[in-house]
Amino acid sequence: MNFLSRSIKGAFNFFKDAVFAEEIASSPGILQRTDPRLKMLVFLTLIVLTCFLRSIPQLLVFYSVSILFAVLSGISIPFFIKRVWFFIPIFTLFIAIPAVFMYGVKSAVIFILRVATCVSFAVLMAITTKHSMLLRALRYFLIPNIFVQILDMTYRYIFFFVKVFEEMHMGLKSRLIKKFDGRQARKWIGSRIGYLFKRSIKMSEDVYMAMLARGYTGEIKKYGR
């Protein structure tokens, strides 16, 4: 049952972080007031430049720039660092550690700093820009419309299915007489994952047919404000 509880807690944390990110995007920071198109261009340029840096001091300067942007945007530094460094151990385990034996400690440190800096700029872009404005900025850079639409719908349906999973868990708890052991909890989660997968396929077909019935031809038209 602890395994099941941890899974539900992870879903709640996903919602909490997403809502908090929306609050950050609505706050009056320097990046929040910047045009999303300009912001995307600047951060993409910084990421590309970071990929070509081969000096630890230079990488530290660029990483410090990301921290400075976070401070000027009113972002909690512990929250920002946690969001960034959550991804770093994965790269460290599979790439940086072998690099220590092949190229030395310095090369591994450079690689980790490069990844951390690039992820920092990407996180800043994501959490200081509202979802709708971010997608609009992608269209400005001539990203194919179908790609932007898939991103938009994926973002929305992730929230939907996390909510469905939460409701299934609440339904289980309301009918549960004795506690699950770890094996039963994993079995239940596995069955629910399979159910959600089948439901997502069915829903995607239903949504697409509904879109076609309403005149969808590859471009989503929005009316009003």
Protein backbone atom coordinates (compact mmCIF):
# COMPACT_ATOMS: atom_id res chain seq x y z
CA MET A 1 0.00 0.00 0.00
CA ASN A 2 2.97 2.30 0.56
CA PHE A 3 3.89 1.84 -3.11
CA LEU A 4 0.37 2.87 -4.11
CA SER A 5 0.42 5.87 -1.78
CA ARG A 6 3.75 7.03 -3.20
CA SER A 7 2.34 6.81 -6.72
CA ILE A 8 -0.67 8.94 -5.78
CA LYS A 9 1.59 11.38 -3.96
CA GLY A 10 3.63 11.71 -7.14
CA ALA A 11 0.47 12.57 -9.06
CA PHE A 12 -0.46 15.21 -6.49
CA ASN A 13 3.03 16.70 -6.67
CA PHE A 14 2.69 16.87 -10.45
CA PHE A 15 -0.49 18.94 -10.07
CA LYS A 16 1.05 21.11 -7.37
CA ASP A 17 4.15 21.90 -9.44
CA ALA A 18 2.07 22.63 -12.52
CA VAL A 19 -0.23 25.01 -10.66
CA PHE A 20 2.74 26.68 -8.99
CA ALA A 21 4.40 27.10 -12.39
CA GLU A 22 1.26 28.84 -13.67
CA GLU A 23 1.40 31.18 -10.69
CA ILE A 24 5.04 31.95 -11.48
CA ALA A 25 4.15 32.68 -15.11
CA SER A 26 1.51 35.16 -13.92
CA SER A 27 3.77 36.97 -11.45
CA PRO A 28 5.34 40.37 -12.31
CA GLY A 29 8.94 39.25 -12.90
CA ILE A 30 11.32 40.44 -15.59
CA LEU A 31 11.00 37.31 -17.71
CA GLN A 32 7.22 37.20 -17.28
CA ARG A 33 7.01 40.70 -18.80
CA THR A 34 9.23 39.78 -21.75
CA ASP A 35 7.66 38.92 -25.09
CA PRO A 36 7.60 35.09 -25.36
CA ARG A 37 9.04 35.22 -28.90
CA LEU A 38 12.01 37.29 -27.79
CA LYS A 39 12.42 35.15 -24.69
CA MET A 40 12.45 31.95 -26.73
CA LEU A 41 14.98 33.39 -29.16
CA VAL A 42 17.27 34.54 -26.34
CA PHE A 43 17.14 31.25 -24.45
CA LEU A 44 17.67 29.16 -27.58
CA THR A 45 20.72 31.31 -28.36
CA LEU A 46 22.03 30.85 -24.82
CA ILE A 47 21.50 27.09 -25.00
CA VAL A 48 23.36 26.84 -28.32
CA LEU A 49 26.22 28.95 -26.97
CA THR A 50 26.38 26.80 -23.84
CA CYS A 51 26.78 23.67 -25.96
CA PHE A 52 30.00 25.10 -27.45
CA LEU A 53 31.59 26.19 -24.16
CA ARG A 54 34.56 24.10 -23.05
CA SER A 55 35.69 26.05 -20.00
CA ILE A 56 34.43 25.50 -16.45
CA PRO A 57 34.60 29.24 -15.54
CA GLN A 58 32.60 30.17 -18.66
CA LEU A 59 29.97 27.55 -17.86
CA LEU A 60 29.75 28.80 -14.29
CA VAL A 61 29.16 32.33 -15.60
CA PHE A 62 26.32 31.12 -17.84
CA TYR A 63 24.84 29.08 -14.99
CA SER A 64 25.04 32.15 -12.75
CA VAL A 65 23.14 34.08 -15.43
CA SER A 66 20.30 31.54 -15.18
CA ILE A 67 20.23 31.95 -11.38
CA LEU A 68 20.17 35.74 -11.82
CA PHE A 69 17.24 35.46 -14.24
CA ALA A 70 15.42 33.31 -11.69
CA VAL A 71 15.97 35.88 -8.93
CA LEU A 72 14.81 38.77 -11.15
CA SER A 73 11.72 36.77 -12.08
CA GLY A 74 10.72 36.17 -8.46
CA ILE A 75 11.35 32.41 -8.60
CA SER A 76 12.25 30.60 -5.42
CA ILE A 77 15.86 29.49 -5.79
CA PRO A 78 15.39 26.13 -3.94
CA PHE A 79 12.38 25.40 -6.19
CA PHE A 80 14.34 26.36 -9.31
CA ILE A 81 17.43 24.35 -8.39
CA LYS A 82 15.29 21.31 -7.53
CA ARG A 83 13.52 21.49 -10.89
CA VAL A 84 16.84 21.71 -12.73
CA TRP A 85 18.94 19.18 -10.85
CA PHE A 86 16.20 16.57 -10.84
CA PHE A 87 17.32 15.61 -14.36
CA ILE A 88 21.07 15.75 -13.81
CA PRO A 89 21.63 12.40 -11.98
CA ILE A 90 20.21 10.53 -14.99
CA PHE A 91 22.83 12.07 -17.27
CA THR A 92 25.51 11.62 -14.62
CA LEU A 93 24.79 7.91 -14.23
CA PHE A 94 24.80 6.98 -17.92
CA ILE A 95 27.25 9.45 -19.45
CA ALA A 96 29.29 11.46 -16.95
CA ILE A 97 30.54 8.49 -14.90
CA PRO A 98 31.90 6.62 -17.98
CA ALA A 99 33.41 9.91 -19.13
CA VAL A 100 35.46 10.09 -15.92
CA PHE A 101 37.29 6.89 -16.86
CA MET A 102 37.61 7.74 -20.55
CA TYR A 103 38.38 11.48 -20.54
CA GLY A 104 39.01 12.46 -16.91
CA VAL A 105 37.17 14.29 -14.14
CA LYS A 106 37.40 17.70 -15.84
CA SER A 107 35.52 16.53 -18.93
CA ALA A 108 32.80 14.99 -16.76
CA VAL A 109 32.41 18.21 -14.74
CA ILE A 110 32.20 20.25 -17.96
CA PHE A 111 29.52 17.91 -19.28
CA ILE A 112 27.45 18.10 -16.08
CA LEU A 113 27.70 21.90 -15.95
CA ARG A 114 26.75 22.14 -19.62
CA VAL A 115 23.66 19.98 -19.10
CA ALA A 116 22.69 21.85 -15.92
CA THR A 117 22.99 25.22 -17.65
CA CYS A 118 20.99 24.16 -20.70
CA VAL A 119 18.27 22.63 -18.51
CA SER A 120 18.22 25.81 -16.39
CA PHE A 121 17.49 27.99 -19.42
CA ALA A 122 14.83 25.55 -20.66
CA VAL A 123 13.14 25.46 -17.23
CA LEU A 124 13.18 29.26 -17.04
CA MET A 125 11.51 29.43 -20.43
CA ALA A 126 8.82 26.94 -19.42
CA ILE A 127 7.89 28.22 -15.95
CA THR A 128 7.88 31.95 -16.80
CA THR A 129 5.64 31.60 -19.84
CA LYS A 130 1.98 30.63 -19.85
CA HIS A 131 1.19 27.48 -21.77
CA SER A 132 -0.93 29.19 -24.41
CA MET A 133 1.64 31.93 -25.02
CA LEU A 134 4.44 29.37 -25.30
CA LEU A 135 2.56 27.51 -28.01
CA ARG A 136 1.81 30.78 -29.81
CA ALA A 137 5.51 31.61 -29.77
CA LEU A 138 6.29 28.23 -31.35
CA ARG A 139 3.95 29.08 -34.22
CA TYR A 140 5.84 32.35 -34.74
CA PHE A 141 9.04 30.35 -35.37
CA LEU A 142 7.25 28.36 -38.10
CA ILE A 143 6.96 25.15 -36.07
CA PRO A 144 4.49 22.91 -38.00
CA ASN A 145 0.93 23.47 -36.85
CA ILE A 146 0.26 19.78 -36.30
CA PHE A 147 3.24 19.56 -33.92
CA VAL A 148 1.98 22.50 -31.85
CA GLN A 149 -1.52 21.01 -31.70
CA ILE A 150 -0.15 17.66 -30.50
CA LEU A 151 1.84 19.41 -27.77
CA ASP A 152 -1.24 21.36 -26.67
CA MET A 153 -3.51 18.32 -26.51
CA THR A 154 -0.84 16.19 -24.81
CA TYR A 155 -0.41 18.83 -22.11
CA ARG A 156 -4.16 18.96 -21.48
CA TYR A 157 -4.73 15.20 -21.45
CA ILE A 158 -1.85 14.53 -19.06
CA PHE A 159 -3.78 16.56 -16.49
CA PHE A 160 -7.00 14.77 -17.38
CA PHE A 161 -5.59 11.27 -16.94
CA VAL A 162 -3.77 12.14 -13.72
CA LYS A 163 -7.14 13.31 -12.40
CA VAL A 164 -8.78 10.06 -13.58
CA PHE A 165 -6.09 8.04 -11.79
CA GLU A 166 -6.69 10.03 -8.63
CA GLU A 167 -10.42 9.33 -8.79
CA MET A 168 -9.78 5.60 -9.32
CA HIS A 169 -7.59 5.57 -6.22
CA MET A 170 -10.25 7.34 -4.16
CA GLY A 171 -12.82 4.82 -5.38
CA LEU A 172 -10.55 1.96 -4.36
CA LYS A 173 -9.94 3.41 -0.88
CA SER A 174 -13.66 3.90 -0.29
CA ARG A 175 -14.28 0.18 -0.99
CA LEU A 176 -11.16 -1.27 0.60
CA ILE A 177 -11.65 -3.34 3.75
CA LYS A 178 -8.08 -4.46 4.40
CA LYS A 179 -4.79 -2.98 3.34
CA PHE A 180 -3.02 -3.98 0.13
CA ASP A 181 0.41 -5.52 0.40
CA GLY A 182 3.13 -4.35 -1.99
CA ARG A 183 2.45 -7.09 -4.57
CA GLN A 184 -1.29 -6.36 -4.70
CA ALA A 185 -0.66 -2.61 -4.95
CA ARG A 186 1.72 -3.06 -7.90
CA LYS A 187 -0.75 -5.41 -9.57
CA TRP A 188 -3.57 -2.87 -9.17
CA ILE A 189 -1.44 -0.01 -10.54
CA GLY A 190 -0.37 -2.17 -13.49
CA SER A 191 -3.99 -2.95 -14.32
CA ARG A 192 -4.95 0.74 -14.05
CA ILE A 193 -2.09 1.73 -16.36
CA GLY A 194 -3.39 -0.75 -18.93
CA TYR A 195 -6.91 0.61 -18.50
CA LEU A 196 -5.74 4.21 -18.93
CA PHE A 197 -3.78 3.24 -22.04
CA LYS A 198 -6.86 1.67 -23.65
CA ARG A 199 -9.03 4.58 -22.56
CA SER A 200 -6.57 7.10 -24.02
CA ILE A 201 -6.62 5.33 -27.39
CA LYS A 202 -10.43 5.24 -27.41
CA MET A 203 -10.64 8.88 -26.36
CA SER A 204 -8.17 10.00 -29.03
CA GLU A 205 -10.31 8.33 -31.70
CA ASP A 206 -13.52 9.82 -30.32
CA VAL A 207 -12.01 13.32 -30.07
CA TYR A 208 -10.64 13.14 -33.61
CA MET A 209 -13.98 11.99 -35.04
CA ALA A 210 -15.72 14.80 -33.13
CA MET A 211 -13.23 17.31 -34.57
CA LEU A 212 -13.86 16.03 -38.10
CA ALA A 213 -17.61 16.27 -37.54
CA ARG A 214 -17.17 19.94 -36.64
CA GLY A 215 -15.16 20.79 -39.74
CA TYR A 216 -11.56 20.18 -38.65
CA THR A 217 -9.19 20.31 -41.64
CA GLY A 218 -5.81 20.52 -39.93
CA GLU A 219 -6.18 23.97 -38.35
CA ILE A 220 -7.91 24.60 -35.03
CA LYS A 221 -9.98 27.75 -35.30
CA LYS A 222 -10.70 29.78 -32.20
CA TYR A 223 -13.55 32.25 -32.00
CA GLY A 224 -13.90 35.14 -29.63
CA ARG A 225 -11.25 36.13 -27.11
